[in-house]
């Protein structure tokens, strides 16, 4: 069977993390014995790490990455790299805030042999109109810079072949802030077989999102320069669009 690495970044999620682990861990049932749930928790100032350490006694396939920096993007990159280095066949990434629904995973898993990437599409979002608007702007920018058309570039609900992720991950610096946006872009730009599937995206049950609007604006401004640099590199390699 295909080994699955279910990966999540975490930061100050003590109010959510145990419920999320208990909800998502059963996804590993019936998968290859090498499959793992891996959570990157670095920099949390609350009880997130202690809760995770306690849960390891109950969930033997739970692993924790403690030295990945505090930012979401670098944690995601470190998780992808860890999964690849440890022989994952497939990587599934979601977040640790409880906004995604594990009951929707199996529909993605059944499509794994048909696509290199199956990406969630948040048609209806429980995290507010502002974030939905930001996502639409991102998708418009990707079309402008890279001539790719995607309905949702950054959804934290994505199942990808590890060998395909491995082709594109080295293009991003370890501290890059928007790896999922660029990973979606690479898949689309280079013609990897992909599918977007509608998912539910619930309001955050507890805790506070560490990425506020001010941070979004700051990250977005820097992203414009990053997109220009990526576009030049992608045009130079003479492949894709």
Protein backbone atom coordinates (compact mmCIF):
# COMPACT_ATOMS: atom_id res chain seq x y z
CA UNK A 1 0.00 0.00 0.00
CA UNK A 2 1.00 3.64 -0.43
CA UNK A 3 2.58 5.35 2.55
CA UNK A 4 0.89 8.57 3.59
CA UNK A 5 2.41 11.42 5.56
CA UNK A 6 -0.34 13.59 7.04
CA UNK A 7 1.39 16.85 7.94
CA UNK A 8 0.27 19.92 9.87
CA UNK A 9 1.93 23.13 11.05
CA UNK A 10 0.92 24.26 14.54
CA UNK A 11 1.39 27.43 16.56
CA UNK A 12 -0.36 28.22 19.85
CA UNK A 13 -3.20 25.76 19.25
CA UNK A 14 -3.61 24.39 22.77
CA UNK A 15 -7.38 24.85 22.57
CA UNK A 16 -7.65 22.88 19.33
CA UNK A 17 -4.72 20.51 18.99
CA UNK A 18 -5.95 17.47 20.93
CA UNK A 19 -9.33 17.44 19.21
CA UNK A 20 -7.64 17.87 15.81
CA UNK A 21 -5.21 14.99 16.42
CA UNK A 22 -8.02 12.71 17.57
CA UNK A 23 -10.12 13.64 14.55
CA UNK A 24 -7.40 13.24 11.93
CA UNK A 25 -5.32 10.33 13.25
CA UNK A 26 -7.86 7.68 12.10
CA UNK A 27 -7.12 8.73 8.51
CA UNK A 28 -3.99 6.57 8.84
CA UNK A 29 -6.08 3.45 9.46
CA UNK A 30 -5.68 0.93 6.66
CA UNK A 31 -2.71 2.77 5.16
CA UNK A 32 0.83 1.45 4.85
CA UNK A 33 2.50 0.87 8.22
CA UNK A 34 5.12 3.48 7.32
CA UNK A 35 2.43 6.17 7.28
CA UNK A 36 2.71 8.96 9.85
CA UNK A 37 1.02 12.05 11.23
CA UNK A 38 3.67 14.76 11.58
CA UNK A 39 3.04 18.10 13.29
CA UNK A 40 5.52 20.96 13.19
CA UNK A 41 5.27 22.78 16.50
CA UNK A 42 8.01 25.29 17.03
CA UNK A 43 7.77 28.53 18.94
CA UNK A 44 4.41 27.97 20.63
CA UNK A 45 4.17 29.94 23.86
CA UNK A 46 1.16 28.07 25.22
CA UNK A 47 0.67 24.37 26.05
CA UNK A 48 0.54 23.06 22.47
CA UNK A 49 3.85 21.21 22.66
CA UNK A 50 3.12 19.60 26.03
CA UNK A 51 -0.24 18.37 24.77
CA UNK A 52 1.37 16.87 21.68
CA UNK A 53 4.04 15.11 23.73
CA UNK A 54 1.36 13.60 25.96
CA UNK A 55 -0.62 12.40 22.93
CA UNK A 56 2.37 10.49 21.54
CA UNK A 57 1.86 7.77 24.15
CA UNK A 58 -1.62 7.12 22.75
CA UNK A 59 -0.85 7.67 19.07
CA UNK A 60 2.38 5.86 18.11
CA UNK A 61 2.45 7.19 14.55
CA UNK A 62 2.38 10.81 15.73
CA UNK A 63 5.68 12.63 15.27
CA UNK A 64 6.60 16.19 16.24
CA UNK A 65 9.06 18.51 14.51
CA UNK A 66 10.19 21.03 17.15
CA UNK A 67 12.80 23.08 15.25
CA UNK A 68 11.08 24.55 12.21
CA UNK A 69 10.77 28.24 13.11
CA UNK A 70 7.58 29.97 14.14
CA UNK A 71 6.14 30.97 10.75
CA UNK A 72 3.55 28.92 8.92
CA UNK A 73 5.28 28.83 5.53
CA UNK A 74 8.68 27.54 6.71
CA UNK A 75 6.90 24.92 8.81
CA UNK A 76 5.05 23.64 5.75
CA UNK A 77 8.30 23.48 3.76
CA UNK A 78 10.03 21.60 6.60
CA UNK A 79 7.13 19.15 6.79
CA UNK A 80 7.22 18.46 3.05
CA UNK A 81 10.97 17.96 3.18
CA UNK A 82 10.67 15.61 6.16
CA UNK A 83 8.01 13.51 4.43
CA UNK A 84 10.08 13.22 1.27
CA UNK A 85 13.27 12.29 3.13
CA UNK A 86 11.42 9.61 5.06
CA UNK A 87 10.03 7.88 2.00
CA UNK A 88 6.42 9.08 1.84
CA UNK A 89 4.56 8.12 -1.31
CA UNK A 90 1.86 10.72 -0.67
CA UNK A 91 1.73 13.91 1.38
CA UNK A 92 -1.49 15.34 2.71
CA UNK A 93 -1.31 18.79 4.28
CA UNK A 94 -3.93 20.43 6.42
CA UNK A 95 -3.88 22.87 9.33
CA UNK A 96 -4.19 22.27 13.06
CA UNK A 97 -6.96 24.78 13.78
CA UNK A 98 -9.90 22.45 13.18
CA UNK A 99 -11.32 24.30 10.18
CA UNK A 100 -11.06 21.31 7.81
CA UNK A 101 -13.10 18.13 7.91
CA UNK A 102 -11.35 14.73 8.00
CA UNK A 103 -14.51 13.05 6.70
CA UNK A 104 -13.71 14.61 3.30
CA UNK A 105 -10.26 13.04 3.05
CA UNK A 106 -11.28 9.64 1.70
CA UNK A 107 -12.74 11.12 -1.48
CA UNK A 108 -9.30 12.64 -2.17
CA UNK A 109 -7.49 9.39 -1.36
CA UNK A 110 -9.55 7.38 -3.83
CA UNK A 111 -8.36 9.72 -6.62
CA UNK A 112 -4.66 9.46 -5.76
CA UNK A 113 -3.73 7.21 -8.70
CA UNK A 114 -5.33 9.55 -11.21
CA UNK A 115 -3.69 12.84 -10.25
CA UNK A 116 -0.37 14.20 -9.03
CA UNK A 117 -2.25 16.65 -6.84
CA UNK A 118 -5.78 16.93 -5.54
CA UNK A 119 -6.39 20.35 -4.04
CA UNK A 120 -9.23 21.60 -1.89
CA UNK A 121 -11.46 24.38 -3.16
CA UNK A 122 -13.07 26.54 -0.45
CA UNK A 123 -16.13 27.80 -2.29
CA UNK A 124 -17.76 28.77 1.00
CA UNK A 125 -15.45 29.94 3.78
CA UNK A 126 -16.10 30.18 7.48
CA UNK A 127 -13.18 32.52 8.14
CA UNK A 128 -14.72 35.70 6.80
CA UNK A 129 -15.23 37.71 3.62
CA UNK A 130 -11.89 39.50 3.86
CA UNK A 131 -9.89 36.28 3.65
CA UNK A 132 -12.10 35.05 0.81
CA UNK A 133 -11.40 38.32 -1.03
CA UNK A 134 -7.64 37.95 -0.44
CA UNK A 135 -7.74 34.46 -1.95
CA UNK A 136 -9.53 35.77 -5.05
CA UNK A 137 -6.87 38.46 -5.44
CA UNK A 138 -4.14 35.82 -5.14
CA UNK A 139 -5.73 33.71 -7.87
CA UNK A 140 -6.01 36.77 -10.13
CA UNK A 141 -2.32 37.55 -9.57
CA UNK A 142 -1.32 33.99 -10.39
CA UNK A 143 -3.23 34.26 -13.64
CA UNK A 144 -1.53 37.58 -14.38
CA UNK A 145 2.01 36.46 -13.53
CA UNK A 146 1.97 32.79 -14.53
CA UNK A 147 -1.07 32.38 -16.83
CA UNK A 148 -2.55 29.69 -14.61
CA UNK A 149 -6.20 29.50 -13.65
CA UNK A 150 -6.95 27.93 -10.27
CA UNK A 151 -10.02 28.37 -8.04
CA UNK A 152 -8.10 28.21 -4.75
CA UNK A 153 -4.32 28.41 -4.49
CA UNK A 154 -3.77 28.17 -0.77
CA UNK A 155 -6.31 25.72 0.67
CA UNK A 156 -4.84 23.71 3.57
CA UNK A 157 -6.39 20.51 2.27
CA UNK A 158 -4.18 18.95 -0.39
CA UNK A 159 -3.08 15.45 -1.30
CA UNK A 160 0.05 15.32 -3.46
CA UNK A 161 2.42 12.73 -4.79
CA UNK A 162 5.64 13.12 -2.82
CA UNK A 163 7.82 12.65 -5.90
CA UNK A 164 6.05 15.54 -7.61
CA UNK A 165 6.42 17.78 -4.56
CA UNK A 166 10.12 16.85 -4.54
CA UNK A 167 10.53 18.30 -8.04
CA UNK A 168 9.42 21.76 -6.98
CA UNK A 169 10.26 22.09 -3.29
CA UNK A 170 13.96 22.96 -3.92
CA UNK A 171 12.87 26.04 -5.85
CA UNK A 172 11.69 27.66 -2.62
CA UNK A 173 13.96 28.93 0.13
CA UNK A 174 13.44 27.19 3.49
CA UNK A 175 12.01 30.41 4.96
CA UNK A 176 9.61 31.15 2.09
CA UNK A 177 6.23 32.38 3.37
CA UNK A 178 3.82 31.10 0.70
CA UNK A 179 4.85 27.55 -0.23
CA UNK A 180 1.35 26.22 -0.84
CA UNK A 181 0.49 29.02 -3.23
CA UNK A 182 3.64 28.40 -5.23
CA UNK A 183 3.29 24.61 -5.06
CA UNK A 184 -0.20 24.91 -6.56
CA UNK A 185 1.24 27.25 -9.20
CA UNK A 186 4.06 24.87 -10.12
CA UNK A 187 1.65 21.95 -10.48
CA UNK A 188 -0.62 23.99 -12.77
CA UNK A 189 2.13 25.77 -14.73
CA UNK A 190 4.04 22.62 -15.58
CA UNK A 191 0.96 20.65 -16.52
CA UNK A 192 0.90 18.13 -13.71
CA UNK A 193 -2.40 16.23 -13.61
CA UNK A 194 -4.40 18.04 -10.93
CA UNK A 195 -7.95 18.25 -9.71
CA UNK A 196 -9.70 20.76 -7.49
CA UNK A 197 -12.43 19.39 -5.26
CA UNK A 198 -14.84 21.38 -3.15
CA UNK A 199 -14.31 21.16 0.61
CA UNK A 200 -15.98 22.66 3.64
CA UNK A 201 -14.03 25.25 5.60
CA UNK A 202 -15.44 25.86 9.04
CA UNK A 203 -15.01 28.86 11.34
CA UNK A 204 -12.18 28.51 13.81
CA UNK A 205 -13.60 26.78 16.90
CA UNK A 206 -11.14 28.25 19.40
CA UNK A 207 -7.89 30.19 19.61
CA UNK A 208 -6.70 33.07 17.48
CA UNK A 209 -5.35 33.00 13.95
CA UNK A 210 -1.70 34.07 14.10
CA UNK A 211 -1.89 35.65 10.62
CA UNK A 212 -3.84 38.90 10.88
CA UNK A 213 -4.74 41.33 8.13
CA UNK A 214 -1.65 43.47 8.72
CA UNK A 215 0.55 40.41 8.23
CA UNK A 216 -1.41 39.42 5.14
CA UNK A 217 -0.77 42.82 3.58
CA UNK A 218 2.94 42.67 4.44
CA UNK A 219 3.32 39.15 3.09
CA UNK A 220 1.30 40.05 -0.01
CA UNK A 221 3.51 43.04 -0.82
CA UNK A 222 6.62 40.89 -0.63
CA UNK A 223 4.90 38.19 -2.68
CA UNK A 224 4.72 40.47 -5.71
CA UNK A 225 8.49 40.59 -5.87
CA UNK A 226 8.72 36.86 -5.26
CA UNK A 227 6.27 36.18 -8.08
CA UNK A 228 8.35 38.24 -10.49
CA UNK A 229 11.48 36.29 -9.54
CA UNK A 230 9.73 32.94 -9.89
CA UNK A 231 8.30 33.98 -13.27
CA UNK A 232 11.73 34.85 -14.62
CA UNK A 233 13.12 31.53 -13.43
CA UNK A 234 10.22 29.56 -14.89
CA UNK A 235 10.52 31.29 -18.25
CA UNK A 236 14.24 30.58 -18.34
CA UNK A 237 13.78 26.85 -17.99
CA UNK A 238 11.72 26.84 -21.20
CA UNK A 239 9.05 24.49 -19.93
CA UNK A 240 5.44 24.85 -18.95
CA UNK A 241 3.42 27.77 -20.26
